[in-house]
Amino acid sequence: MKNRTAFTLIELLVVIAIIAILAAILFPVFAQAKESAKKSTCLSNAKQLGTATYLYFGDNDDQLMNAVFGPPGAGLEGGWIYFEEFPANTVTERSDGFDAKRGSLYPYIKSAEVFVCPSDVNGRNSGNTYAINSCLTKIASFGFATGKSSTSTESPAQFVLFGEEVFDDEGAGDASFLSQSSTPDGFLVYPIKYLSTRHSGGSNSTFLDGHAKWYKPEQLIAQSLLTGGDALQTCQ
């Protein structure tokens, strides 16, 4: 009697079904692991921005970087990061968006990739994910803001310096932009703008003392971390 080596149709279907079940279980796990790695890289980038800012303080009498913002800030030199067009987060080529190398913080980092969170699709095109907190600047003219002194707050560990800003520039009409959008100018105008939820419902923030940490936007607001831990403090 000959040994049977061929699969019957039923056996083949069973094998295919098992493979499909395993794929359904494993693919989300792989996706979650991949996002976790991106989140960690993003957090590292946020930390490097904090370290670079401290180096900047040493060369600039403890003053924070200046910032350019809005339509008048497009093509304007002198900010912590430069952008060619507004909104910069809708461009498809980096040459039309942000140019970190033309910003005042770049000499202390010397890597344009540090300015981009791997999970930020728009940021990968535009060249930047992070936005400086407007509460740490003083608007000198529309489109240009000067950096405040790093000693202007008593609680630097409770004052957000950089956040992952998002902007509903296309009028999504729902909350999808909170995870899918990016910053249009690298300038987080509190409380008008929003912080991203791209990392498991939250995003990474860099603080004035140099540390970086993941928070949900509602946690930052509840703890007044965009205004130095003081709910009564105004930005200007």
C-alpha atoms as a PDB file:
ATOM      1  CA  MET A   1       0.000   0.000   0.000  1.00  0.00           C
ATOM      2  CA  LYS A   2       1.397   3.354  -1.040  1.00  0.00           C
ATOM      3  CA  ASN A   3       1.909   6.145   1.515  1.00  0.00           C
ATOM      4  CA  ARG A   4      -0.330   9.151   0.930  1.00  0.00           C
ATOM      5  CA  THR A   5       1.731  12.363   0.554  1.00  0.00           C
ATOM      6  CA  ALA A   6      -0.732  14.812  -1.020  1.00  0.00           C
ATOM      7  CA  PHE A   7      -2.990  17.113   1.006  1.00  0.00           C
ATOM      8  CA  THR A   8      -6.725  16.784   0.617  1.00  0.00           C
ATOM      9  CA  LEU A   9      -8.687  19.958  -0.098  1.00  0.00           C
ATOM     10  CA  ILE A  10     -10.063  20.021   3.449  1.00  0.00           C
ATOM     11  CA  GLU A  11      -6.591  19.668   4.968  1.00  0.00           C
ATOM     12  CA  LEU A  12      -5.314  22.492   2.786  1.00  0.00           C
ATOM     13  CA  LEU A  13      -8.189  24.730   3.804  1.00  0.00           C
ATOM     14  CA  VAL A  14      -7.508  23.975   7.477  1.00  0.00           C
ATOM     15  CA  VAL A  15      -3.843  24.934   7.087  1.00  0.00           C
ATOM     16  CA  ILE A  16      -4.797  28.160   5.312  1.00  0.00           C
ATOM     17  CA  ALA A  17      -7.312  28.975   8.061  1.00  0.00           C
ATOM     18  CA  ILE A  18      -4.677  28.422  10.772  1.00  0.00           C
ATOM     19  CA  ILE A  19      -2.200  30.672   8.936  1.00  0.00           C
ATOM     20  CA  ALA A  20      -4.881  33.366   8.585  1.00  0.00           C
ATOM     21  CA  ILE A  21      -5.697  33.185  12.307  1.00  0.00           C
ATOM     22  CA  LEU A  22      -2.015  33.417  13.262  1.00  0.00           C
ATOM     23  CA  ALA A  23      -1.538  36.382  10.906  1.00  0.00           C
ATOM     24  CA  ALA A  24      -4.547  38.158  12.421  1.00  0.00           C
ATOM     25  CA  ILE A  25      -3.049  37.692  15.870  1.00  0.00           C
ATOM     26  CA  LEU A  26       0.576  38.514  15.050  1.00  0.00           C
ATOM     27  CA  PHE A  27       0.260  41.450  12.618  1.00  0.00           C
ATOM     28  CA  PRO A  28      -1.201  43.840  15.235  1.00  0.00           C
ATOM     29  CA  VAL A  29       1.547  42.768  17.641  1.00  0.00           C
ATOM     30  CA  PHE A  30       4.214  43.525  15.045  1.00  0.00           C
ATOM     31  CA  ALA A  31       2.580  46.877  14.251  1.00  0.00           C
ATOM     32  CA  GLN A  32       2.460  47.760  17.934  1.00  0.00           C
ATOM     33  CA  ALA A  33       6.124  46.830  18.370  1.00  0.00           C
ATOM     34  CA  LYS A  34       7.063  48.944  15.359  1.00  0.00           C
ATOM     35  CA  GLU A  35       5.146  51.942  16.707  1.00  0.00           C
ATOM     36  CA  SER A  36       6.753  51.462  20.120  1.00  0.00           C
ATOM     37  CA  ALA A  37      10.187  51.689  18.496  1.00  0.00           C
ATOM     38  CA  LYS A  38       9.158  54.860  16.646  1.00  0.00           C
ATOM     39  CA  LYS A  39       7.819  56.348  19.872  1.00  0.00           C
ATOM     40  CA  SER A  40      11.157  55.653  21.586  1.00  0.00           C
ATOM     41  CA  THR A  41      13.078  57.292  18.730  1.00  0.00           C
ATOM     42  CA  CYS A  42      10.748  60.268  18.889  1.00  0.00           C
ATOM     43  CA  LEU A  43      11.313  60.569  22.643  1.00  0.00           C
ATOM     44  CA  SER A  44      15.072  60.435  22.078  1.00  0.00           C
ATOM     45  CA  ASN A  45      14.749  63.225  19.500  1.00  0.00           C
ATOM     46  CA  ALA A  46      12.765  65.322  21.976  1.00  0.00           C
ATOM     47  CA  LYS A  47      15.483  64.784  24.578  1.00  0.00           C
ATOM     48  CA  GLN A  48      18.191  65.822  22.099  1.00  0.00           C
ATOM     49  CA  LEU A  49      16.305  69.048  21.399  1.00  0.00           C
ATOM     50  CA  GLY A  50      16.380  69.759  25.140  1.00  0.00           C
ATOM     51  CA  THR A  51      20.115  69.068  25.367  1.00  0.00           C
ATOM     52  CA  ALA A  52      20.790  71.271  22.334  1.00  0.00           C
ATOM     53  CA  THR A  53      18.770  74.087  23.906  1.00  0.00           C
ATOM     54  CA  TYR A  54      20.946  73.937  27.016  1.00  0.00           C
ATOM     55  CA  LEU A  55      24.047  74.258  24.851  1.00  0.00           C
ATOM     56  CA  TYR A  56      22.385  77.208  23.105  1.00  0.00           C
ATOM     57  CA  PHE A  57      21.793  78.859  26.516  1.00  0.00           C
ATOM     58  CA  GLY A  58      25.515  78.747  27.225  1.00  0.00           C
ATOM     59  CA  ASP A  59      26.348  80.700  24.085  1.00  0.00           C
ATOM     60  CA  ASN A  60      23.483  83.198  24.324  1.00  0.00           C
ATOM     61  CA  ASP A  61      23.365  84.537  27.897  1.00  0.00           C
ATOM     62  CA  ASP A  62      20.662  82.074  28.962  1.00  0.00           C
ATOM     63  CA  GLN A  63      18.219  83.360  26.338  1.00  0.00           C
ATOM     64  CA  LEU A  64      15.894  80.991  24.512  1.00  0.00           C
ATOM     65  CA  MET A  65      15.866  80.767  20.738  1.00  0.00           C
ATOM     66  CA  ASN A  66      13.757  83.161  18.679  1.00  0.00           C
ATOM     67  CA  ALA A  67      10.905  81.813  16.581  1.00  0.00           C
ATOM     68  CA  VAL A  68       9.162  82.682  13.333  1.00  0.00           C
ATOM     69  CA  PHE A  69       5.523  81.790  12.806  1.00  0.00           C
ATOM     70  CA  GLY A  70       2.434  82.093  10.649  1.00  0.00           C
ATOM     71  CA  PRO A  71       2.287  83.256   7.028  1.00  0.00           C
ATOM     72  CA  PRO A  72       4.597  86.270   7.684  1.00  0.00           C
ATOM     73  CA  GLY A  73       7.202  83.910   9.121  1.00  0.00           C
ATOM     74  CA  ALA A  74       7.566  81.953   5.872  1.00  0.00           C
ATOM     75  CA  GLY A  75      10.991  82.641   4.406  1.00  0.00           C
ATOM     76  CA  LEU A  76      11.989  84.746   7.419  1.00  0.00           C
ATOM     77  CA  GLU A  77      15.400  84.051   8.973  1.00  0.00           C
ATOM     78  CA  GLY A  78      16.214  84.152  12.669  1.00  0.00           C
ATOM     79  CA  GLY A  79      13.993  81.440  14.148  1.00  0.00           C
ATOM     80  CA  TRP A  80      14.934  78.233  15.931  1.00  0.00           C
ATOM     81  CA  ILE A  81      13.852  76.527  12.690  1.00  0.00           C
ATOM     82  CA  TYR A  82      13.267  77.946   9.213  1.00  0.00           C
ATOM     83  CA  PHE A  83      10.313  77.217   6.927  1.00  0.00           C
ATOM     84  CA  GLU A  84       9.794  78.234   3.321  1.00  0.00           C
ATOM     85  CA  GLU A  85       6.011  78.055   3.034  1.00  0.00           C
ATOM     86  CA  PHE A  86       3.041  78.253   5.388  1.00  0.00           C
ATOM     87  CA  PRO A  87       1.536  75.883   6.283  1.00  0.00           C
ATOM     88  CA  ALA A  88       4.730  73.876   6.011  1.00  0.00           C
ATOM     89  CA  ASN A  89       3.083  70.607   7.046  1.00  0.00           C
ATOM     90  CA  THR A  90       1.144  70.265   3.778  1.00  0.00           C
ATOM     91  CA  VAL A  91       4.161  70.271   1.448  1.00  0.00           C
ATOM     92  CA  THR A  92       5.352  67.136  -0.305  1.00  0.00           C
ATOM     93  CA  GLU A  93       9.030  68.084  -0.553  1.00  0.00           C
ATOM     94  CA  ARG A  94      11.327  69.181   2.252  1.00  0.00           C
ATOM     95  CA  SER A  95      12.739  71.946   0.046  1.00  0.00           C
ATOM     96  CA  ASP A  96       9.318  73.625   0.267  1.00  0.00           C
ATOM     97  CA  GLY A  97       8.844  73.048   3.990  1.00  0.00           C
ATOM     98  CA  PHE A  98      11.189  73.234   6.967  1.00  0.00           C
ATOM     99  CA  ASP A  99      14.949  73.595   6.723  1.00  0.00           C
ATOM    100  CA  ALA A 100      16.430  72.751  10.112  1.00  0.00           C
ATOM    101  CA  LYS A 101      19.913  73.661   8.908  1.00  0.00           C
ATOM    102  CA  ARG A 102      18.879  77.319   8.579  1.00  0.00           C
ATOM    103  CA  GLY A 103      17.590  77.467  12.144  1.00  0.00           C
ATOM    104  CA  SER A 104      19.496  78.650  15.219  1.00  0.00           C
ATOM    105  CA  LEU A 105      19.299  75.295  17.028  1.00  0.00           C
ATOM    106  CA  TYR A 106      20.780  73.145  14.271  1.00  0.00           C
ATOM    107  CA  PRO A 107      24.489  73.866  15.066  1.00  0.00           C
ATOM    108  CA  TYR A 108      23.950  72.175  18.435  1.00  0.00           C
ATOM    109  CA  ILE A 109      22.411  69.033  16.903  1.00  0.00           C
ATOM    110  CA  LYS A 110      23.849  68.758  13.370  1.00  0.00           C
ATOM    111  CA  SER A 111      21.318  66.184  12.246  1.00  0.00           C
ATOM    112  CA  ALA A 112      18.153  67.181  10.403  1.00  0.00           C
ATOM    113  CA  GLU A 113      16.587  63.795  11.241  1.00  0.00           C
ATOM    114  CA  VAL A 114      16.436  64.686  14.947  1.00  0.00           C
ATOM    115  CA  PHE A 115      13.761  67.260  14.078  1.00  0.00           C
ATOM    116  CA  VAL A 116      11.428  64.566  12.691  1.00  0.00           C
ATOM    117  CA  CYS A 117       9.387  62.007  14.618  1.00  0.00           C
ATOM    118  CA  PRO A 118       9.330  58.703  12.644  1.00  0.00           C
ATOM    119  CA  SER A 119       5.586  58.359  13.313  1.00  0.00           C
ATOM    120  CA  ASP A 120       4.836  61.768  11.786  1.00  0.00           C
ATOM    121  CA  VAL A 121       4.037  61.191   8.104  1.00  0.00           C
ATOM    122  CA  ASN A 122       3.627  64.908   7.381  1.00  0.00           C
ATOM    123  CA  GLY A 123       6.800  65.700   9.315  1.00  0.00           C
ATOM    124  CA  ARG A 124       8.818  63.232   7.265  1.00  0.00           C
ATOM    125  CA  ASN A 125       7.800  65.218   4.173  1.00  0.00           C
ATOM    126  CA  SER A 126       8.062  68.721   5.636  1.00  0.00           C
ATOM    127  CA  GLY A 127      11.212  68.191   7.712  1.00  0.00           C
ATOM    128  CA  ASN A 128       9.930  68.928  11.225  1.00  0.00           C
ATOM    129  CA  THR A 129       7.600  67.562  13.902  1.00  0.00           C
ATOM    130  CA  TYR A 130       8.246  69.735  16.944  1.00  0.00           C
ATOM    131  CA  ALA A 131       7.034  73.199  17.918  1.00  0.00           C
ATOM    132  CA  ILE A 132       8.377  75.619  20.503  1.00  0.00           C
ATOM    133  CA  ASN A 133       5.954  76.708  23.211  1.00  0.00           C
ATOM    134  CA  SER A 134       4.827  80.277  22.505  1.00  0.00           C
ATOM    135  CA  CYS A 135       4.599  80.846  26.279  1.00  0.00           C
ATOM    136  CA  LEU A 136       8.399  80.877  26.352  1.00  0.00           C
ATOM    137  CA  THR A 137       8.624  83.608  23.728  1.00  0.00           C
ATOM    138  CA  LYS A 138       7.499  87.200  23.395  1.00  0.00           C
ATOM    139  CA  ILE A 139       5.975  88.337  20.113  1.00  0.00           C
ATOM    140  CA  ALA A 140       8.021  91.258  18.802  1.00  0.00           C
ATOM    141  CA  SER A 141       6.135  91.618  15.524  1.00  0.00           C
ATOM    142  CA  PHE A 142       3.626  89.484  13.679  1.00  0.00           C
ATOM    143  CA  GLY A 143       5.625  86.570  12.349  1.00  0.00           C
ATOM    144  CA  PHE A 144       8.569  86.935  14.744  1.00  0.00           C
ATOM    145  CA  ALA A 145       8.948  86.212  18.470  1.00  0.00           C
ATOM    146  CA  THR A 146      11.979  86.613  20.715  1.00  0.00           C
ATOM    147  CA  GLY A 147      12.973  83.957  23.207  1.00  0.00           C
ATOM    148  CA  LYS A 148      12.550  84.669  26.897  1.00  0.00           C
ATOM    149  CA  SER A 149      15.257  84.115  29.505  1.00  0.00           C
ATOM    150  CA  SER A 150      15.674  80.517  30.634  1.00  0.00           C
ATOM    151  CA  THR A 151      15.466  81.838  34.191  1.00  0.00           C
ATOM    152  CA  SER A 152      12.051  83.452  33.635  1.00  0.00           C
ATOM    153  CA  THR A 153      10.308  80.569  35.400  1.00  0.00           C
ATOM    154  CA  GLU A 154      10.865  79.011  38.804  1.00  0.00           C
ATOM    155  CA  SER A 155       9.774  75.564  37.622  1.00  0.00           C
ATOM    156  CA  PRO A 156      11.696  74.610  34.444  1.00  0.00           C
ATOM    157  CA  ALA A 157      10.880  70.922  35.002  1.00  0.00           C
ATOM    158  CA  GLN A 158       7.182  71.806  34.736  1.00  0.00           C
ATOM    159  CA  PHE A 159       7.394  74.006  31.641  1.00  0.00           C
ATOM    160  CA  VAL A 160       6.965  72.441  28.195  1.00  0.00           C
ATOM    161  CA  LEU A 161       9.585  73.762  25.775  1.00  0.00           C
ATOM    162  CA  PHE A 162       8.790  71.682  22.675  1.00  0.00           C
ATOM    163  CA  GLY A 163       5.685  69.688  21.828  1.00  0.00           C
ATOM    164  CA  GLU A 164       4.392  67.610  18.922  1.00  0.00           C
ATOM    165  CA  GLU A 165       1.945  70.157  17.545  1.00  0.00           C
ATOM    166  CA  VAL A 166      -0.879  69.376  15.095  1.00  0.00           C
ATOM    167  CA  PHE A 167      -2.937  71.728  12.956  1.00  0.00           C
ATOM    168  CA  ASP A 168      -6.303  71.201  11.256  1.00  0.00           C
ATOM    169  CA  ASP A 169      -5.242  73.018   8.096  1.00  0.00           C
ATOM    170  CA  GLU A 170      -7.540  71.012   5.822  1.00  0.00           C
ATOM    171  CA  GLY A 171     -10.677  71.356   7.940  1.00  0.00           C
ATOM    172  CA  ALA A 172     -11.032  67.665   8.749  1.00  0.00           C
ATOM    173  CA  GLY A 173     -14.174  68.368  10.739  1.00  0.00           C
ATOM    174  CA  ASP A 174     -13.359  65.607  13.228  1.00  0.00           C
ATOM    175  CA  ALA A 175     -10.578  64.597  15.600  1.00  0.00           C
ATOM    176  CA  SER A 176      -8.579  62.597  13.033  1.00  0.00           C
ATOM    177  CA  PHE A 177      -6.070  65.436  12.610  1.00  0.00           C
ATOM    178  CA  LEU A 178      -4.964  64.976  16.240  1.00  0.00           C
ATOM    179  CA  SER A 179      -3.052  61.849  15.249  1.00  0.00           C
ATOM    180  CA  GLN A 180      -2.489  62.446  11.538  1.00  0.00           C
ATOM    181  CA  SER A 181      -1.456  66.105  11.266  1.00  0.00           C
ATOM    182  CA  SER A 182       1.752  67.959  12.129  1.00  0.00           C
ATOM    183  CA  THR A 183       3.037  71.447  12.937  1.00  0.00           C
ATOM    184  CA  PRO A 184       2.582  74.140  10.247  1.00  0.00           C
ATOM    185  CA  ASP A 185       5.339  76.479  11.509  1.00  0.00           C
ATOM    186  CA  GLY A 186       7.129  75.020  14.532  1.00  0.00           C
ATOM    187  CA  PHE A 187       5.338  77.475  16.863  1.00  0.00           C
ATOM    188  CA  LEU A 188       2.843  76.139  19.402  1.00  0.00           C
ATOM    189  CA  VAL A 189       0.428  78.964  20.215  1.00  0.00           C
ATOM    190  CA  TYR A 190      -1.193  77.994  23.508  1.00  0.00           C
ATOM    191  CA  PRO A 191      -4.128  77.521  23.905  1.00  0.00           C
ATOM    192  CA  ILE A 192      -5.113  77.934  20.238  1.00  0.00           C
ATOM    193  CA  LYS A 193      -3.175  74.987  18.783  1.00  0.00           C
ATOM    194  CA  TYR A 194      -3.304  71.295  19.686  1.00  0.00           C
ATOM    195  CA  LEU A 195      -0.877  68.572  20.691  1.00  0.00           C
ATOM    196  CA  SER A 196      -0.719  65.279  18.826  1.00  0.00           C
ATOM    197  CA  THR A 197      -2.195  61.981  19.969  1.00  0.00           C
ATOM    198  CA  ARG A 198      -0.138  59.936  17.490  1.00  0.00           C
ATOM    199  CA  HIS A 199       1.581  57.854  20.194  1.00  0.00           C
ATOM    200  CA  SER A 200      -1.097  55.752  21.880  1.00  0.00           C
ATOM    201  CA  GLY A 201      -3.289  58.779  22.548  1.00  0.00           C
ATOM    202  CA  GLY A 202      -0.440  61.093  23.522  1.00  0.00           C
ATOM    203  CA  SER A 203       2.834  62.617  22.369  1.00  0.00           C
ATOM    204  CA  ASN A 204       6.310  63.500  23.583  1.00  0.00           C
ATOM    205  CA  SER A 205       7.167  66.820  25.189  1.00  0.00           C
ATOM    206  CA  THR A 206      10.534  68.415  25.927  1.00  0.00           C
ATOM    207  CA  PHE A 207      10.750  70.451  29.112  1.00  0.00           C
ATOM    208  CA  LEU A 208      12.750  73.570  29.910  1.00  0.00           C
ATOM    209  CA  ASP A 209      15.086  71.647  32.221  1.00  0.00           C
ATOM    210  CA  GLY A 210      16.037  69.370  29.306  1.00  0.00           C
ATOM    211  CA  HIS A 211      14.098  66.189  30.106  1.00  0.00           C
ATOM    212  CA  ALA A 212      11.493  64.681  27.777  1.00  0.00           C
ATOM    213  CA  LYS A 213       8.424  62.611  28.607  1.00  0.00           C
ATOM    214  CA  TRP A 214       5.257  61.174  27.038  1.00  0.00           C
ATOM    215  CA  TYR A 215       1.966  62.732  28.073  1.00  0.00           C
ATOM    216  CA  LYS A 216      -1.606  62.777  26.913  1.00  0.00           C
ATOM    217  CA  PRO A 217      -2.595  66.354  25.932  1.00  0.00           C
ATOM    218  CA  GLU A 218      -5.272  66.458  28.608  1.00  0.00           C
ATOM    219  CA  GLN A 219      -2.661  65.609  31.245  1.00  0.00           C
ATOM    220  CA  LEU A 220      -0.442  68.500  30.178  1.00  0.00           C
ATOM    221  CA  ILE A 221      -3.382  70.878  30.340  1.00  0.00           C
ATOM    222  CA  ALA A 222      -4.687  69.556  33.666  1.00  0.00           C
ATOM    223  CA  GLN A 223      -1.257  70.028  35.245  1.00  0.00           C
ATOM    224  CA  SER A 224      -0.725  73.430  33.536  1.00  0.00           C
ATOM    225  CA  LEU A 225       2.576  72.180  32.107  1.00  0.00           C
ATOM    226  CA  LEU A 226       2.323  74.528  29.130  1.00  0.00           C
ATOM    227  CA  THR A 227       2.445  77.473  31.524  1.00  0.00           C
ATOM    228  CA  GLY A 228       5.095  76.298  33.976  1.00  0.00           C
ATOM    229  CA  GLY A 229       2.736  74.491  36.336  1.00  0.00           C
ATOM    230  CA  ASP A 230       0.861  77.706  37.081  1.00  0.00           C
ATOM    231  CA  ALA A 231      -2.767  77.729  35.922  1.00  0.00           C
ATOM    232  CA  LEU A 232      -2.961  81.501  36.385  1.00  0.00           C
ATOM    233  CA  GLN A 233       0.116  82.353  34.326  1.00  0.00           C
ATOM    234  CA  THR A 234      -0.392  84.074  30.986  1.00  0.00           C
ATOM    235  CA  CYS A 235       1.820  83.477  27.982  1.00  0.00           C
ATOM    236  CA  GLN A 236       2.676  87.052  27.010  1.00  0.00           C
END
